Amino acid sequence: EEELRKLREETNAETLRQELEKERQRRLELEQRVNEVLKTRAEEVPAAQQPAKPQAQANGTDKRSHTVCSRLQKWFCDKFGEYLEDFRFQPEENTVETEEPLSARRLTENMRRLKRGAKPVTNFVKNLSALSDWYSIYTSAIAFIIYINAVWHGWAIPMFLFLAILRLSLNYLIARGWRIQWSIVPEVSEQMEHPKEDLTVSEKFQLVLDVAQKAQNLFGKMADILEKFKNLFMWVQPEITQKLYFALWAAFIASCFLPYKILGLALGLYAGIKFFLIDFVFKRCPRLRAKYDTPYIIWINLLTDPQLKERSNATVSRRVRVMNLFLQTATSRSYVGSSAPAGISKDEDTSRFHTTKRGNFHEVFNLSENERPLPVCENGWRCCLINRDRKMPTDYIRNGVLYVTENYLCFESSKSGSSKRNKVIKLSDITDIQKYKVLSVLPGSGMGIAVSTPSTQKPLVFGAMVHRDEAFETIFSQYVKITSAPSSSES
């Protein structure tokens, strides 16, 4: 019944009837106009023929000229009348595109079509990166020599046109049945997945979730790229856009004074040397690339809109959090010093409070005795560590307690065993801290904290934290305190 209702809604019988009535009225109006035109012509023809007869009898040359003109007019209408009809203005018809209903089979088919359509582009990008990485030394060396020679003699554009013609020729031979496979990177044959005829409800739901996740990641990457370009040209980060501004001025002045031949030669040589040599060295030496690869540094330092929003919120509340943290530490230390019994020093008294389930804090995490949890998290925050770099379920999720010291972020696993399951992260090594929502289906802002470090490919997530906001403020304020200390000392 639902399918029948959708079909009835899609057909739109009433709108079709209305359009048919409009077309019938238009046809009747056109027929009336044609009849009126024919009547007026029939009335004009006898009136024109009556005075024309004595003229035709008087002068035969006028009749011949009239017939020649009519023949020329008829020939012109036959030859160019069709083209003149094409330039006739007609009212634009508003057509509404019907959207297809959601179907698991159609969804999988569209995903496979997208993958097949993007395969030539991905193969082309892989071959370019293989040339730059010198995957095949002989191929890259020959390509480098040919490119430099073509640029030096001013044959760069003819070379690219010849390569395009060659590619089309090879595609023609492949379409005719020839087996021609030329690629620097060997192609990996993928297993063809045959679509299932009947899918269960759970399989359909999982399919929709997989496609939604891929679309989310793809749209996220596209949005990051577009936002970075927007922020680059809108002076959101002036220190980065200033470099582009000066580079454009230098290119403009060079284009005004240097001949186009010399300018093209310089640009071509720079592009070839950077693509074949400089990028190869930078990819092999990450530290050198982080220092001297200006385009890479600019692109990495460009921020997206969410990152800019988080940074602005962090800078506004940074001073307030740091001041609150200092006040809390000062009051807690004074309280501990005053409440300590006689004959016991402050360090000995505080070491009693800062102990874990397995012993002293510095012994469990192999830290110095000065490293103790902050007063805000003396008992720690119960949470679960989600390490998305691990594949085993036992290593993927661990339950435990999270502590924050002056220099470290410490996680104690609740499972009995060696200390290898514990996690110690240096605050100065953290590259990014964000609030995280583990399950996007559930309402609310989430109960997790994502911490990014250079040693992990994916951020570590501390989830299922009841006091997530308090923990995030404490970790972030201590992180800001640690990172701002070297900059303040240098200034």
Protein backbone atom coordinates (compact mmCIF):
# COMPACT_ATOMS: atom_id res chain seq x y z
CA GLU A 1 0.00 0.00 0.00
CA GLU A 2 2.85 2.38 0.75
CA GLU A 3 4.46 1.68 -2.65
CA LEU A 4 1.11 2.27 -4.40
CA ARG A 5 0.68 5.55 -2.51
CA LYS A 6 4.17 6.66 -3.55
CA LEU A 7 3.46 5.75 -7.18
CA ARG A 8 0.23 7.73 -7.11
CA GLU A 9 2.03 10.72 -5.64
CA GLU A 10 4.82 10.46 -8.21
CA THR A 11 2.45 10.28 -11.20
CA ASN A 12 0.67 13.54 -10.29
CA ALA A 13 -2.42 12.85 -12.38
CA GLU A 14 -4.03 16.19 -11.54
CA THR A 15 -1.04 18.21 -12.71
CA LEU A 16 -0.89 16.17 -15.91
CA ARG A 17 -4.57 16.88 -16.59
CA GLN A 18 -4.05 20.58 -16.03
CA GLU A 19 -1.09 20.60 -18.42
CA LEU A 20 -3.13 18.74 -21.05
CA GLU A 21 -5.95 21.31 -20.76
CA LYS A 22 -3.43 24.13 -21.16
CA GLU A 23 -1.97 22.47 -24.27
CA ARG A 24 -5.45 22.04 -25.77
CA GLN A 25 -6.23 25.71 -25.21
CA ARG A 26 -2.92 26.68 -26.80
CA ARG A 27 -3.68 24.47 -29.81
CA LEU A 28 -7.12 26.03 -30.25
CA GLU A 29 -5.65 29.54 -30.04
CA LEU A 30 -3.00 28.66 -32.63
CA GLU A 31 -5.62 27.20 -34.98
CA GLN A 32 -7.68 30.40 -34.67
CA ARG A 33 -4.66 32.54 -35.42
CA VAL A 34 -3.72 30.41 -38.43
CA ASN A 35 -7.26 30.66 -39.78
CA GLU A 36 -7.26 34.44 -39.32
CA VAL A 37 -3.91 34.75 -41.12
CA LEU A 38 -5.14 32.57 -43.98
CA LYS A 39 -8.30 34.69 -44.33
CA THR A 40 -6.34 37.95 -44.41
CA ARG A 41 -3.96 36.52 -47.04
CA ALA A 42 -6.89 35.24 -49.13
CA GLU A 43 -8.44 38.73 -49.05
CA GLU A 44 -5.14 40.44 -49.95
CA VAL A 45 -4.30 38.15 -52.86
CA PRO A 46 -7.33 39.05 -55.12
CA ALA A 47 -6.89 42.74 -54.34
CA ALA A 48 -3.26 42.54 -55.35
CA GLN A 49 -3.97 40.49 -58.49
CA GLN A 50 -6.55 42.91 -59.94
CA PRO A 51 -4.18 45.88 -60.40
CA ALA A 52 -1.39 43.49 -61.24
CA LYS A 53 -3.06 42.14 -64.37
CA PRO A 54 -2.98 45.37 -66.39
CA GLN A 55 0.55 45.98 -65.17
CA ALA A 56 1.55 42.49 -66.23
CA GLN A 57 -0.01 43.01 -69.61
CA ALA A 58 1.64 46.41 -69.90
CA ASN A 59 5.09 45.38 -68.83
CA GLY A 60 6.39 41.77 -68.86
CA THR A 61 9.70 42.66 -67.23
CA ASP A 62 7.99 43.55 -63.90
CA LYS A 63 6.35 40.15 -63.80
CA ARG A 64 9.65 38.40 -64.35
CA SER A 65 11.34 40.44 -61.61
CA HIS A 66 8.47 39.65 -59.25
CA THR A 67 8.82 35.91 -59.88
CA VAL A 68 12.61 36.11 -59.41
CA CYS A 69 12.15 37.89 -56.07
CA SER A 70 9.61 35.33 -54.92
CA ARG A 71 11.95 32.51 -55.89
CA LEU A 72 14.83 34.12 -53.99
CA GLN A 73 12.61 34.66 -50.97
CA LYS A 74 11.42 31.05 -51.09
CA TRP A 75 15.02 29.77 -51.41
CA PHE A 76 16.14 31.94 -48.49
CA CYS A 77 13.28 30.69 -46.33
CA ASP A 78 14.02 27.07 -47.21
CA LYS A 79 17.72 27.43 -46.38
CA PHE A 80 17.66 29.66 -43.30
CA GLY A 81 14.10 29.34 -42.01
CA GLU A 82 15.05 26.41 -39.75
CA TYR A 83 17.84 28.41 -38.15
CA LEU A 84 15.54 31.39 -37.61
CA GLU A 85 13.05 29.13 -35.86
CA ASP A 86 15.78 28.08 -33.43
CA PHE A 87 16.15 31.69 -32.25
CA ARG A 88 12.47 32.04 -31.40
CA PHE A 89 11.95 32.74 -27.69
CA GLN A 90 9.69 30.35 -25.83
CA PRO A 91 8.50 30.44 -22.21
CA GLU A 92 10.67 28.41 -19.89
CA GLU A 93 9.07 25.29 -18.49
CA ASN A 94 9.66 24.61 -14.82
CA THR A 95 10.28 20.91 -14.50
CA VAL A 96 10.49 19.35 -11.04
CA GLU A 97 12.94 16.47 -10.76
CA THR A 98 11.51 13.46 -9.00
CA GLU A 99 13.75 12.04 -6.27
CA GLU A 100 14.28 8.33 -6.16
CA PRO A 101 13.22 6.50 -2.98
CA LEU A 102 15.95 5.11 -0.74
CA SER A 103 16.97 1.64 -1.83
CA ALA A 104 19.84 -0.52 -0.57
CA ARG A 105 20.44 -2.02 -4.01
CA ARG A 106 20.49 1.41 -5.67
CA LEU A 107 22.80 2.69 -2.95
CA THR A 108 25.38 -0.05 -3.48
CA GLU A 109 25.17 0.38 -7.24
CA ASN A 110 25.82 4.13 -6.99
CA MET A 111 28.78 3.54 -4.67
CA ARG A 112 30.31 1.10 -7.14
CA ARG A 113 29.69 3.51 -10.01
CA LEU A 114 31.43 6.27 -8.07
CA LYS A 115 34.36 3.99 -7.32
CA ARG A 116 34.69 2.93 -10.97
CA GLY A 117 34.38 6.51 -12.21
CA ALA A 118 37.06 7.78 -9.82
CA LYS A 119 39.46 4.93 -10.61
CA PRO A 120 41.19 6.64 -13.63
CA VAL A 121 41.73 9.79 -11.56
CA THR A 122 43.14 7.86 -8.61
CA ASN A 123 45.42 5.86 -10.93
CA PHE A 124 46.68 9.09 -12.50
CA VAL A 125 47.43 10.58 -9.07
CA LYS A 126 49.19 7.37 -8.01
CA ASN A 127 51.39 7.45 -11.10
CA LEU A 128 52.29 11.10 -10.50
CA SER A 129 53.20 10.40 -6.88
CA ALA A 130 55.22 7.37 -8.03
CA LEU A 131 57.16 9.61 -10.45
CA SER A 132 57.86 12.10 -7.67
CA ASP A 133 58.86 9.32 -5.23
CA TRP A 134 61.18 7.70 -7.81
CA TYR A 135 59.36 4.39 -7.47
CA SER A 136 60.98 3.32 -10.74
CA ILE A 137 64.39 5.00 -11.00
CA TYR A 138 64.73 4.59 -14.77
CA THR A 139 61.21 5.87 -15.52
CA SER A 140 61.56 8.91 -13.25
CA ALA A 141 65.02 9.72 -14.63
CA ILE A 142 63.80 9.55 -18.24
CA ALA A 143 60.73 11.66 -17.42
CA PHE A 144 62.89 14.25 -15.62
CA ILE A 145 65.35 14.54 -18.54
CA ILE A 146 62.56 14.80 -21.13
CA TYR A 147 60.71 17.44 -19.08
CA ILE A 148 63.80 19.62 -18.46
CA ASN A 149 64.80 19.37 -22.13
CA ALA A 150 61.28 20.33 -23.27
CA VAL A 151 61.14 23.31 -20.88
CA TRP A 152 64.62 24.48 -21.90
CA HIS A 153 63.71 24.51 -25.60
CA GLY A 154 60.20 25.92 -25.03
CA TRP A 155 58.38 22.70 -25.94
CA ALA A 156 56.50 22.19 -22.67
CA ILE A 157 53.03 22.90 -24.07
CA PRO A 158 53.55 20.76 -27.22
CA MET A 159 54.85 17.98 -24.97
CA PHE A 160 51.71 17.97 -22.81
CA LEU A 161 49.49 18.09 -25.90
CA PHE A 162 51.40 15.17 -27.41
CA LEU A 163 50.95 13.18 -24.19
CA ALA A 164 47.20 13.88 -24.27
CA ILE A 165 47.02 12.69 -27.91
CA LEU A 166 49.05 9.60 -27.02
CA ARG A 167 46.74 8.79 -24.12
CA LEU A 168 43.66 9.11 -26.33
CA SER A 169 45.28 6.89 -28.94
CA LEU A 170 46.03 4.21 -26.34
CA ASN A 171 42.46 4.46 -25.07
CA TYR A 172 41.21 3.94 -28.64
CA LEU A 173 43.33 0.81 -29.02
CA ILE A 174 42.13 -0.47 -25.64
CA ALA A 175 38.52 0.16 -26.69
CA ARG A 176 39.19 -1.82 -29.91
CA GLY A 177 40.26 -4.85 -27.86
CA TRP A 178 44.01 -4.39 -27.46
CA ARG A 179 45.54 -5.33 -24.11
CA ILE A 180 47.70 -2.35 -23.19
CA GLN A 181 48.57 -1.78 -19.55
CA TRP A 182 51.16 0.86 -18.73
CA SER A 183 51.48 2.03 -15.18
CA ILE A 184 54.38 2.79 -12.86
CA VAL A 185 52.57 1.37 -9.86
CA PRO A 186 51.33 -2.21 -10.42
CA GLU A 187 47.58 -2.45 -10.24
CA VAL A 188 46.14 -4.64 -7.53
CA SER A 189 43.23 -6.74 -8.69
CA GLU A 190 40.27 -6.30 -6.40
CA GLN A 191 37.64 -8.91 -5.85
CA MET A 192 34.34 -8.09 -7.46
CA GLU A 193 31.54 -8.01 -4.94
CA HIS A 194 28.36 -9.34 -6.43
CA PRO A 195 25.28 -7.55 -5.14
CA LYS A 196 22.98 -9.63 -3.01
CA GLU A 197 19.47 -9.99 -4.18
CA ASP A 198 17.79 -10.06 -0.77
CA LEU A 199 19.19 -8.17 2.22
CA THR A 200 17.97 -8.44 5.76
CA VAL A 201 16.95 -5.38 7.75
CA SER A 202 20.17 -5.43 9.78
CA GLU A 203 22.30 -5.67 6.61
CA LYS A 204 20.44 -2.77 5.04
CA PHE A 205 20.88 -0.69 8.19
CA GLN A 206 24.60 -1.51 8.35
CA LEU A 207 24.95 -0.65 4.65
CA VAL A 208 23.33 2.74 5.18
CA LEU A 209 25.60 3.39 8.17
CA ASP A 210 28.73 2.50 6.14
CA VAL A 211 27.72 4.76 3.27
CA ALA A 212 26.82 7.57 5.67
CA GLN A 213 30.22 7.24 7.35
CA LYS A 214 32.04 7.39 4.00
CA ALA A 215 29.98 10.37 2.90
CA GLN A 216 30.61 12.09 6.24
CA ASN A 217 34.38 11.63 5.95
CA LEU A 218 34.41 12.70 2.30
CA PHE A 219 32.33 15.81 2.95
CA GLY A 220 34.49 16.60 5.98
CA LYS A 221 37.69 16.49 3.92
CA MET A 222 36.14 18.62 1.17
CA ALA A 223 34.87 21.13 3.74
CA ASP A 224 38.32 21.33 5.36
CA ILE A 225 39.96 22.08 2.01
CA LEU A 226 37.39 24.73 1.04
CA GLU A 227 37.50 26.38 4.47
CA LYS A 228 41.30 26.52 4.38
CA PHE A 229 41.23 28.25 1.00
CA LYS A 230 38.56 30.65 2.25
CA ASN A 231 40.51 31.52 5.38
CA LEU A 232 43.68 31.95 3.33
CA PHE A 233 42.15 34.56 1.04
CA MET A 234 39.99 36.28 3.70
CA TRP A 235 42.92 37.25 5.98
CA VAL A 236 41.63 35.12 8.85
CA GLN A 237 45.26 34.30 9.69
CA PRO A 238 47.18 37.43 8.62
CA GLU A 239 50.65 35.99 9.23
CA ILE A 240 49.99 33.25 6.63
CA THR A 241 48.07 35.34 4.09
CA GLN A 242 50.85 37.95 4.22
CA LYS A 243 53.27 35.45 2.63
CA LEU A 244 50.83 34.81 -0.22
CA TYR A 245 50.33 38.58 -0.63
CA PHE A 246 54.06 39.27 -1.01
CA ALA A 247 54.48 36.27 -3.35
CA LEU A 248 51.72 37.59 -5.63
CA TRP A 249 53.31 41.04 -5.69
CA ALA A 250 56.69 39.52 -6.61
CA ALA A 251 55.08 37.44 -9.38
CA PHE A 252 53.22 40.52 -10.69
CA ILE A 253 56.40 42.64 -10.83
CA ALA A 254 58.33 39.81 -12.49
CA SER A 255 55.59 39.38 -15.12
CA CYS A 256 55.73 43.13 -15.90
CA PHE A 257 59.50 43.36 -16.44
CA LEU A 258 60.63 39.89 -17.51
CA PRO A 259 59.83 38.49 -20.99
CA TYR A 260 57.31 35.68 -21.07
CA LYS A 261 59.88 33.26 -22.47
CA ILE A 262 62.27 33.76 -19.55
CA LEU A 263 59.39 33.76 -17.04
CA GLY A 264 57.97 30.52 -18.44
CA LEU A 265 61.43 28.95 -18.44
CA ALA A 266 61.97 29.89 -14.79
CA LEU A 267 58.55 28.60 -13.71
CA GLY A 268 58.94 25.36 -15.68
CA LEU A 269 62.39 24.63 -14.28
CA TYR A 270 61.24 25.37 -10.73
CA ALA A 271 58.17 23.12 -11.12
CA GLY A 272 60.24 20.25 -12.52
CA ILE A 273 63.01 20.50 -9.91
CA LYS A 274 60.51 20.76 -7.08
CA PHE A 275 58.37 17.86 -8.35
CA PHE A 276 61.23 15.45 -9.08
CA LEU A 277 63.96 16.43 -6.59
CA ILE A 278 62.83 18.74 -3.78
CA ASP A 279 59.62 16.85 -2.96
CA PHE A 280 61.55 13.56 -3.00
CA VAL A 281 64.01 14.91 -0.41
CA PHE A 282 61.25 16.45 1.72
CA LYS A 283 59.22 13.22 1.79
CA ARG A 284 62.27 11.27 2.94
CA CYS A 285 63.23 13.90 5.57
CA PRO A 286 60.14 15.00 7.56
CA ARG A 287 62.10 17.35 9.82
CA LEU A 288 63.61 19.13 6.83
CA ARG A 289 60.16 19.42 5.30
CA ALA A 290 58.68 20.87 8.49
CA LYS A 291 61.35 23.60 8.47
CA TYR A 292 61.79 24.60 4.82
CA ASP A 293 58.81 23.40 2.76
CA THR A 294 56.87 26.68 2.73
CA PRO A 295 53.69 25.50 0.88
CA TYR A 296 53.42 22.47 3.17
CA ILE A 297 53.93 24.60 6.29
CA ILE A 298 51.31 27.12 5.15
CA TRP A 299 48.78 24.37 4.38
CA ILE A 300 49.34 22.59 7.70
CA ASN A 301 49.07 25.80 9.72
CA LEU A 302 45.85 26.87 8.00
CA LEU A 303 42.89 26.29 10.28
CA THR A 304 39.32 25.33 9.49
CA ASP A 305 36.28 27.12 10.88
CA PRO A 306 35.69 24.65 13.77
CA GLN A 307 39.36 24.89 14.77
CA LEU A 308 39.22 28.69 14.67
CA LYS A 309 36.08 28.66 16.79
CA GLU A 310 37.66 26.38 19.36
CA ARG A 311 40.82 28.48 19.43
CA SER A 312 38.87 31.70 19.94
CA ASN A 313 36.87 30.14 22.78
CA ALA A 314 40.06 28.80 24.31
CA THR A 315 41.85 32.15 24.16
CA VAL A 316 38.91 33.95 25.74
CA SER A 317 38.65 31.56 28.68
CA ARG A 318 42.36 30.77 29.00
CA ARG A 319 43.21 33.45 31.56
CA VAL A 320 40.14 32.70 33.67
CA ARG A 321 40.95 29.00 33.79
CA VAL A 322 44.60 29.54 34.63
CA MET A 323 43.72 31.94 37.43
CA ASN A 324 41.16 29.51 38.85
CA LEU A 325 43.71 26.72 38.66
CA PHE A 326 46.33 28.76 40.54
CA LEU A 327 43.79 29.69 43.20
CA GLN A 328 42.76 26.06 43.64
CA THR A 329 46.33 24.82 43.90
CA ALA A 330 47.25 27.56 46.37
CA THR A 331 44.26 26.88 48.63
CA SER A 332 44.76 23.10 48.50
CA ARG A 333 48.47 23.35 49.37
CA SER A 334 47.77 25.67 52.26
CA TYR A 335 45.06 23.30 53.49
CA VAL A 336 47.34 20.26 53.27
CA GLY A 337 50.20 22.09 55.03
CA SER A 338 47.97 23.24 57.89
CA SER A 339 46.25 19.88 58.37
CA ALA A 340 49.45 17.83 58.46
CA PRO A 341 50.23 16.44 61.95
CA ALA A 342 53.34 17.38 63.90
CA GLY A 343 56.56 15.53 63.03
CA ILE A 344 55.49 14.84 59.42
CA SER A 345 56.71 16.99 56.52
CA LYS A 346 54.47 18.29 53.77
CA ASP A 347 55.95 15.98 51.15
CA GLU A 348 55.40 12.90 53.32
CA ASP A 349 51.84 13.97 54.09
CA THR A 350 50.95 14.64 50.47
CA SER A 351 52.43 11.32 49.39
CA ARG A 352 49.82 9.61 51.56
CA PHE A 353 46.97 11.27 49.73
CA HIS A 354 48.39 10.69 46.26
CA THR A 355 48.32 6.92 46.07
CA THR A 356 46.63 4.59 43.63
CA LYS A 357 45.08 1.16 44.09
CA ARG A 358 48.42 -0.60 43.56
CA GLY A 359 50.75 1.61 45.56
CA ASN A 360 52.46 4.96 45.40
CA PHE A 361 51.68 7.10 42.40
CA HIS A 362 55.24 7.63 41.14
CA GLU A 363 55.99 3.89 41.42
CA VAL A 364 52.96 2.82 39.41
CA PHE A 365 53.71 5.15 36.49
CA ASN A 366 57.54 5.19 36.82
CA LEU A 367 57.67 8.94 37.41
CA SER A 368 59.63 11.12 39.77
CA GLU A 369 58.39 11.67 43.31
CA ASN A 370 57.54 15.29 42.52
CA GLU A 371 54.87 14.20 40.03
CA ARG A 372 51.61 13.91 41.93
CA PRO A 373 47.97 14.35 40.84
CA LEU A 374 46.55 17.83 40.96
CA PRO A 375 44.20 18.61 43.88
CA VAL A 376 41.22 18.64 41.51
CA CYS A 377 41.76 14.97 40.61
CA GLU A 378 43.20 13.42 43.76
CA ASN A 379 40.98 10.36 43.34
CA GLY A 380 41.03 10.56 39.54
CA TRP A 381 38.22 10.35 37.03
CA ARG A 382 36.81 6.96 36.12
CA CYS A 383 36.74 6.46 32.33
CA CYS A 384 37.56 4.02 29.55
CA LEU A 385 40.53 4.45 27.21
CA ILE A 386 39.68 3.84 23.54
CA ASN A 387 42.83 3.26 21.49
CA ARG A 388 41.65 3.20 17.89
CA ASP A 389 45.09 2.22 16.58
CA ARG A 390 44.72 -1.24 18.12
CA LYS A 391 42.66 -3.97 16.49
CA MET A 392 42.29 -6.45 19.37
CA PRO A 393 39.23 -5.89 21.59
CA THR A 394 41.32 -6.34 24.74
CA ASP A 395 43.66 -3.52 23.71
CA TYR A 396 41.03 -1.39 22.02
CA ILE A 397 39.04 -0.48 25.17
CA ARG A 398 40.42 -0.40 28.72
CA ASN A 399 38.60 0.68 31.87
CA GLY A 400 40.50 2.63 34.47
CA VAL A 401 41.16 5.96 36.19
CA LEU A 402 42.62 9.13 34.67
CA TYR A 403 44.96 11.45 36.60
CA VAL A 404 46.54 14.80 35.70
CA THR A 405 49.87 15.96 37.13
CA GLU A 406 51.83 19.10 36.45
CA ASN A 407 53.56 17.57 33.43
CA TYR A 408 51.80 14.30 32.58
CA LEU A 409 48.43 12.75 31.80
CA CYS A 410 48.31 9.30 33.47
CA PHE A 411 45.81 6.49 32.92
CA GLU A 412 45.77 3.50 35.30
CA SER A 413 44.12 0.39 33.93
CA SER A 414 41.75 -1.41 36.29
CA LYS A 415 42.80 -4.88 35.06
CA SER A 416 45.33 -6.70 37.15
CA GLY A 417 48.66 -7.30 35.51
CA SER A 418 51.83 -5.48 34.53
CA SER A 419 52.15 -1.74 34.21
CA LYS A 420 52.26 -2.03 30.38
CA ARG A 421 48.52 -1.49 30.26
CA ASN A 422 48.91 1.90 31.94
CA LYS A 423 49.27 4.97 29.73
CA VAL A 424 51.47 8.01 30.43
CA ILE A 425 51.26 11.00 28.07
CA LYS A 426 53.50 14.03 28.39
CA LEU A 427 51.45 17.23 28.21
CA SER A 428 54.05 19.01 26.10
CA ASP A 429 53.80 16.23 23.46
CA ILE A 430 50.05 16.69 22.99
CA THR A 431 49.16 18.32 19.67
CA ASP A 432 45.41 18.70 20.12
CA ILE A 433 42.75 18.34 22.85
CA GLN A 434 39.06 18.30 22.00
CA LYS A 435 35.77 17.33 23.53
CA TYR A 436 34.58 14.13 21.88
CA LYS A 437 31.26 12.37 21.44
CA VAL A 438 31.77 8.61 21.19
CA LEU A 439 28.22 7.75 20.10
CA SER A 440 26.81 10.40 17.79
CA VAL A 441 23.35 8.76 17.95
CA LEU A 442 22.87 9.67 21.61
CA PRO A 443 21.73 13.19 22.54
CA GLY A 444 23.94 15.70 24.34
CA SER A 445 27.49 16.92 23.80
CA GLY A 446 29.12 13.61 24.68
CA MET A 447 31.20 12.25 27.57
CA GLY A 448 34.65 11.89 26.04
CA ILE A 449 37.95 13.73 25.53
CA ALA A 450 40.11 13.15 22.42
CA VAL A 451 43.88 13.64 22.81
CA SER A 452 46.17 13.68 19.76
CA THR A 453 49.89 12.86 19.98
CA PRO A 454 52.59 12.37 17.32
CA SER A 455 53.04 8.72 18.31
CA THR A 456 49.43 7.76 17.51
CA GLN A 457 47.77 7.79 14.12
CA LYS A 458 44.29 8.33 15.54
CA PRO A 459 43.49 10.37 18.68
CA LEU A 460 43.21 8.58 22.00
CA VAL A 461 39.70 8.87 23.44
CA PHE A 462 38.92 8.90 27.16
CA GLY A 463 35.20 8.12 27.13
CA ALA A 464 32.35 7.46 29.57
CA MET A 465 33.47 10.29 31.88
CA VAL A 466 30.74 11.60 34.17
CA HIS A 467 32.71 14.77 34.99
CA ARG A 468 33.91 15.32 31.43
CA ASP A 469 33.75 19.14 31.44
CA GLU A 470 35.66 19.42 34.71
CA ALA A 471 38.36 17.03 33.45
CA PHE A 472 38.62 18.84 30.12
CA GLU A 473 39.06 22.24 31.79
CA THR A 474 41.73 20.87 34.11
CA ILE A 475 43.68 19.12 31.34
CA PHE A 476 43.41 22.05 28.97
CA SER A 477 44.44 24.67 31.56
CA GLN A 478 47.46 22.60 32.61
CA TYR A 479 48.33 22.05 28.94
CA VAL A 480 48.14 25.80 28.29
CA LYS A 481 50.29 26.44 31.36
CA ILE A 482 52.96 23.99 30.18
CA THR A 483 53.00 25.19 26.56
CA SER A 484 52.91 28.89 27.42
CA ALA A 485 55.80 28.63 29.91
CA PRO A 486 58.59 28.28 27.24
CA SER A 487 57.11 31.07 25.10
CA SER A 488 56.88 33.44 28.08
CA SER A 489 60.47 32.65 29.11
CA GLU A 490 61.69 33.33 25.57
CA SER A 491 59.79 36.61 25.37
